[in-house]
Protein backbone atom coordinates (compact mmCIF):
# COMPACT_ATOMS: atom_id res chain seq x y z
CA MET A 1 0.43 0.09 0.09
CA ALA A 2 1.38 3.37 -1.07
CA THR A 3 2.57 5.95 1.72
CA ILE A 4 1.04 9.60 2.27
CA GLU A 5 4.23 10.96 0.56
CA GLU A 6 4.27 8.49 -2.19
CA LEU A 7 0.39 9.38 -2.49
CA GLN A 8 1.12 13.32 -2.61
CA ALA A 9 4.08 12.92 -4.98
CA GLU A 10 1.87 11.14 -7.46
CA ASN A 11 -0.80 13.83 -7.39
CA ALA A 12 1.90 16.28 -7.59
CA ALA A 13 3.22 14.93 -11.14
CA LEU A 14 -0.28 14.36 -12.08
CA LYS A 15 -1.12 17.83 -11.81
CA ASP A 16 2.19 18.87 -13.31
CA ALA A 17 1.73 16.90 -16.45
CA HIS A 18 -1.77 18.04 -16.50
CA ALA A 19 0.02 21.80 -16.63
CA LYS A 20 2.13 20.59 -19.37
CA LEU A 21 -0.55 19.16 -21.31
CA GLU A 22 -2.61 22.92 -20.66
CA ARG A 23 0.52 24.67 -22.24
CA THR A 24 0.93 22.42 -24.92
CA ALA A 25 -2.58 22.95 -25.93
CA MET A 26 -2.44 26.57 -25.74
CA MET A 27 0.85 26.58 -27.69
CA LEU A 28 -1.08 24.69 -30.36
CA ARG A 29 -4.05 27.09 -30.10
CA PHE A 30 -1.83 29.85 -31.00
CA ALA A 31 -0.44 28.68 -33.70
CA ALA A 32 -3.94 27.68 -35.49
CA ASN A 33 -5.17 30.91 -33.94
CA LYS A 34 -7.96 29.40 -32.31
CA PRO A 35 -7.21 31.12 -28.46
CA ASP A 36 -9.26 29.33 -25.91
CA LEU A 37 -11.86 32.32 -25.24
CA GLU A 38 -13.51 30.66 -21.91
CA LYS A 39 -9.78 30.16 -20.44
CA THR A 40 -8.68 33.48 -21.40
CA TYR A 41 -11.41 35.75 -19.97
CA ALA A 42 -11.15 33.82 -16.86
CA SER A 43 -7.45 34.45 -16.34
CA ARG A 44 -7.82 38.23 -17.02
CA LYS A 45 -10.65 38.53 -14.35
CA ALA A 46 -8.69 36.48 -11.93
CA LEU A 47 -6.01 38.46 -12.51
CA GLY A 48 -7.84 41.82 -12.20
CA GLU A 49 -9.50 40.36 -9.29
CA GLU A 50 -5.78 39.97 -7.51
CA THR A 51 -6.26 41.57 -4.43
CA SER A 52 -1.87 41.52 -3.95
CA PRO A 53 -0.04 41.59 -6.88
CA CYS A 54 3.35 39.54 -6.43
CA LEU A 55 6.53 40.91 -6.30
CA GLY A 56 8.08 40.95 -10.26
CA ALA A 57 4.67 41.51 -11.49
CA ARG A 58 4.43 43.69 -14.62
CA VAL A 59 1.85 46.16 -13.77
CA LYS A 60 0.53 49.70 -15.81
CA VAL A 61 -0.72 52.84 -13.92
CA ALA A 62 -4.57 52.26 -13.77
CA HIS A 63 -5.46 55.60 -11.86
CA PRO A 64 -2.37 58.03 -10.87
CA GLY A 65 -4.95 59.34 -8.36
CA CYS A 66 -4.29 56.47 -6.07
CA LYS A 67 -0.29 57.00 -5.11
CA TYR A 68 0.44 57.73 -2.09
CA ALA A 69 2.89 60.56 -0.89
CA HIS A 70 6.66 58.78 -0.85
CA LYS A 71 7.49 60.61 2.29
CA ASP A 72 4.95 58.62 4.24
CA PHE A 73 6.40 55.10 3.27
CA GLU A 74 10.19 56.20 4.07
CA SER A 75 10.60 53.93 6.43
CA VAL A 76 8.16 50.71 5.14
CA PHE A 77 10.51 50.81 2.63
CA GLU A 78 13.85 51.97 3.96
CA GLY A 79 15.75 48.79 2.67
CA THR A 80 14.84 49.58 -1.12
CA LYS A 81 16.80 51.91 -2.24
CA ILE A 82 15.08 53.92 -5.24
CA GLU A 83 14.54 57.46 -6.92
CA TYR A 84 10.93 58.39 -6.44
CA THR A 85 8.90 60.77 -8.75
CA ASP A 86 5.80 62.72 -8.19
CA GLN A 87 5.18 62.65 -11.70
CA VAL A 88 3.22 59.39 -12.77
CA GLU A 89 0.87 59.54 -15.79
CA GLN A 90 -1.66 57.14 -16.43
CA GLY A 91 -0.42 53.60 -18.48
CA ARG A 92 2.83 54.04 -17.06
CA MET A 93 4.25 50.89 -16.86
CA GLY A 94 6.59 48.94 -14.17
CA PHE A 95 7.23 46.35 -11.91
CA VAL A 96 6.12 46.09 -8.14
CA ILE A 97 9.68 45.89 -6.27
CA ALA A 98 8.29 45.78 -2.48
CA LYS A 99 5.36 45.83 -0.95
CA ALA A 100 4.17 45.82 2.61
CA PRO A 101 0.95 46.53 4.62
CA HIS A 102 -0.82 50.16 4.90
CA PHE A 103 0.88 51.25 7.99
CA LYS A 104 -3.01 52.46 9.11
CA LYS A 105 -4.67 50.03 7.46
CA THR A 106 -2.96 46.55 8.08
CA THR A 107 -5.35 44.53 5.74
CA GLN A 108 -4.49 46.45 2.90
CA ASP A 109 -1.34 46.42 1.41
CA VAL A 110 0.79 48.95 -0.75
CA PHE A 111 3.23 48.46 -3.55
CA LEU A 112 6.12 50.48 -4.52
CA ILE A 113 6.82 50.01 -8.10
CA LYS A 114 9.85 50.67 -10.10
CA PHE A 115 9.07 51.93 -13.53
CA ASP A 116 10.95 51.67 -16.52
CA ASN A 117 12.95 54.74 -15.97
CA ASN A 118 14.23 53.36 -12.90
CA LYS A 119 12.13 55.93 -10.64
CA GLY A 120 9.72 55.09 -8.14
CA ALA A 121 6.22 55.28 -6.64
CA VAL A 122 3.81 53.90 -3.73
CA PHE A 123 0.76 52.86 -5.08
CA SER A 124 -2.40 51.28 -3.58
CA ARG A 125 -3.70 47.94 -4.91
CA LYS A 126 -6.41 50.16 -7.05
CA GLY A 127 -3.98 52.25 -8.81
CA ILE A 128 -2.11 49.63 -10.61
CA GLU A 129 -3.27 47.53 -12.98
CA PRO A 130 -1.25 43.79 -13.54
CA ILE A 131 -1.25 42.68 -17.29
CA PHE A 132 0.17 39.45 -17.72
CA TYR A 133 -0.58 35.98 -17.55
CA GLU A 134 -1.00 32.61 -18.75
CA GLY A 135 -2.56 32.87 -22.31
CA ALA A 136 -2.12 36.47 -23.13
CA TYR A 137 -1.03 37.16 -26.49
CA VAL A 138 1.86 39.56 -27.11
CA THR A 139 4.56 41.23 -29.07
CA VAL A 140 7.79 41.48 -28.70
CA ALA A 141 8.71 45.20 -28.43
CA ASN A 142 12.21 45.13 -26.87
CA THR A 143 14.85 42.12 -28.17
CA GLY A 144 17.49 43.50 -25.46
CA CYS A 145 15.33 41.77 -22.77
CA LYS A 146 15.13 38.45 -23.95
CA TYR A 147 17.38 36.30 -21.82
CA SER A 148 19.66 33.36 -22.72
CA GLY A 149 17.99 30.36 -23.50
CA GLN A 150 21.23 28.19 -22.67
CA ASP A 151 20.90 29.93 -19.38
CA PHE A 152 17.16 28.68 -18.34
CA SER A 153 17.45 25.36 -21.00
CA ALA A 154 17.34 23.56 -17.27
CA HIS A 155 14.74 25.07 -16.11
CA PHE A 156 12.50 25.19 -18.74
CA ALA A 157 13.55 21.53 -19.94
CA ASP A 158 10.36 20.79 -21.62
CA TYR A 159 10.20 22.91 -24.24
CA THR A 160 12.68 24.12 -27.08
CA LEU A 161 13.83 27.08 -26.41
CA VAL A 162 15.48 29.28 -28.95
CA ASP A 163 17.59 32.66 -28.76
CA ASN A 164 16.39 34.17 -32.84
CA VAL A 165 13.75 36.59 -31.49
CA ARG A 166 13.18 39.69 -33.78
CA GLN A 167 11.08 43.20 -32.77
CA GLU A 168 7.45 42.89 -33.19
CA ASP A 169 7.35 39.21 -33.01
CA ARG A 170 4.18 37.97 -31.74
CA GLY A 171 3.77 35.27 -29.62
CA VAL A 172 2.03 33.75 -26.53
CA ILE A 173 2.75 33.75 -22.69
CA VAL A 174 2.66 29.77 -22.03
CA LYS A 175 4.40 30.19 -18.25
CA ILE A 176 5.20 32.79 -15.66
CA ASP A 177 8.12 31.84 -13.18
CA GLN A 178 10.49 33.26 -11.26
CA HIS A 179 13.88 34.16 -12.46
CA TYR A 180 16.27 31.19 -11.22
CA LYS A 181 18.31 33.80 -9.42
CA ASN A 182 16.67 36.16 -8.10
CA SER A 183 12.73 35.32 -6.95
CA ALA A 184 11.89 38.96 -6.97
CA VAL A 185 12.33 38.89 -10.96
CA LYS A 186 9.61 37.39 -12.98
CA VAL A 187 10.67 35.80 -16.35
CA TYR A 188 7.82 34.73 -19.00
CA LEU A 189 8.27 31.63 -21.64
CA VAL A 190 7.21 33.39 -24.71
CA ALA A 191 5.60 30.55 -27.52
CA LEU A 192 6.62 32.52 -30.88
CA ASN A 193 5.95 29.90 -33.70
CA THR A 194 3.91 26.79 -34.98
CA GLN A 195 6.88 24.62 -34.19
CA LEU A 196 6.31 25.89 -30.67
CA GLU A 197 9.63 27.29 -30.23
CA CYS A 198 9.60 29.51 -26.94
CA VAL A 199 11.66 32.54 -26.20
CA VAL A 200 12.75 33.40 -22.40
CA MET A 201 11.68 37.10 -21.80
CA ASN A 202 11.82 39.92 -19.19
CA GLY A 203 8.30 41.64 -19.22
CA LYS A 204 9.66 45.03 -20.01
CA GLY A 205 10.17 43.77 -23.51
CA LEU A 206 6.94 42.79 -23.76
CA VAL A 207 3.65 44.24 -24.68
CA LEU A 208 0.31 42.93 -24.58
CA ARG A 209 -1.84 42.67 -27.69
CA ASP A 210 -5.10 41.67 -28.44
CA VAL A 211 -6.49 37.85 -28.39
CA PRO A 212 -8.38 37.61 -31.24
CA GLY A 213 -12.54 37.23 -30.56
CA LEU A 214 -11.67 38.37 -26.54
CA ALA A 215 -13.35 41.43 -26.65
CA ALA A 216 -16.59 40.57 -28.50
CA TYR A 217 -16.91 37.23 -25.72
CA THR A 218 -16.07 39.66 -23.16
CA ALA A 219 -18.22 41.92 -24.05
CA LYS A 220 -21.42 39.12 -24.65
CA LYS A 221 -20.27 37.45 -21.37
CA ALA A 222 -20.66 41.58 -19.20
CA LYS A 223 -24.20 41.03 -20.94
CA ASP A 224 -24.95 38.07 -19.88
CA GLU A 225 -23.82 38.41 -16.45
CA ALA A 226 -25.56 41.45 -16.22
CA GLU A 227 -29.12 39.87 -17.41
CA ALA A 228 -28.49 37.12 -14.97
CA LYS A 229 -28.33 39.79 -12.39
CA ALA A 230 -31.25 41.74 -13.06
CA LYS A 231 -32.71 38.37 -13.47
CA ASP A 232 -31.94 36.98 -10.10
CA GLU A 233 -32.59 40.55 -8.55
CA ALA A 234 -36.61 40.38 -10.18
CA GLU A 235 -36.74 37.15 -8.81
CA ALA A 236 -35.75 38.14 -5.44
CA LYS A 237 -38.15 41.14 -5.32
CA LYS A 238 -40.70 39.16 -6.75
CA ALA A 239 -39.97 36.40 -3.86
CA LYS A 240 -40.27 39.18 -1.01
CA ASP A 241 -43.37 41.02 -2.92
CA GLU A 242 -44.97 37.29 -2.31
CA ALA A 243 -43.90 37.27 0.94
CA GLU A 244 -44.72 40.46 1.97
CA ALA A 245 -48.51 40.62 0.39
CA LYS A 246 -48.48 36.71 1.92
CA ALA A 247 -47.61 38.47 5.51
CA LYS A 248 -49.98 41.34 5.46
CA ASP A 249 -53.31 38.92 4.09
CA GLU A 250 -52.56 36.59 7.19
CA ALA A 251 -52.56 40.11 9.22
CA GLU A 252 -55.81 40.99 8.28
CA ALA A 253 -57.06 37.68 8.42
CA LYS A 254 -55.75 37.39 11.88
CA ALA A 255 -57.33 40.91 12.50
CA LYS A 256 -60.93 40.37 11.22
CA ASP A 257 -61.15 37.07 13.08
CA GLU A 258 -60.07 38.65 16.27
CA ALA A 259 -62.84 41.44 15.37
CA GLU A 260 -65.54 38.42 14.92
CA ALA A 261 -64.32 37.23 17.68
CA LYS A 262 -64.31 40.16 19.96
CA ALA A 263 -67.93 40.95 18.56
CA LYS A 264 -69.41 37.65 19.16
CA ASP A 265 -68.32 37.82 23.16
CA GLU A 266 -70.04 41.60 23.40
CA ALA A 267 -72.71 39.81 22.04
CA GLU A 268 -73.15 37.17 24.31
CA ALA A 269 -72.38 39.19 27.18
CA LYS A 270 -75.17 41.64 26.18
């Protein structure tokens, strides 16, 4: 009989094999230009709902007004040397290089973002938007942000890694992982072509692009969810109205019975 440790190891191996199959399917779908819209939508939604993006996450500024005064957090991030900036516009790109609980609201994290110009700012979660996820379609914007395939050959042993990548090449992110030398840095395994060749990139060298059909799918999903919500609310209102009407009828019936009983008692007493 297998031990608990053996069963756990077997379960982990099965999960890993399943994940590899899903990534292969993702690569094949990309090559055929037939993305799995349901999974892609779910991945994007989960990314948006993530309450505390991890260290190394590639983000963009969604709301500049959600930037904190860095002087209020210098003690919080005193171990991180960075030049702060007060000029932050919407859409600016950067990385999460540190995070910590807010000194007044310990259940809420604040994030130190290092922008591509090497300056930093402190933001609330509402002010930043993570952008990369497994299944995202991307364009190579800077080939200088490519890592050597040889350096990651052991890390991504199940994939064919190449170094020949050109600016404007298109691909799909099949895996996001930690850099083997620095866990605070994310690396992106990007499948490039129908031969399923992959390149390892730093997020700074990638630009998110539209997944074919996703915008229409998202719009339909939003419409369906709004209609379902409206239906649930209408049914809840109907049930409430019916319950109130029933309670009213019962109260009126009870009052009538009591009045009749009282009248009868008074008649008999007379």
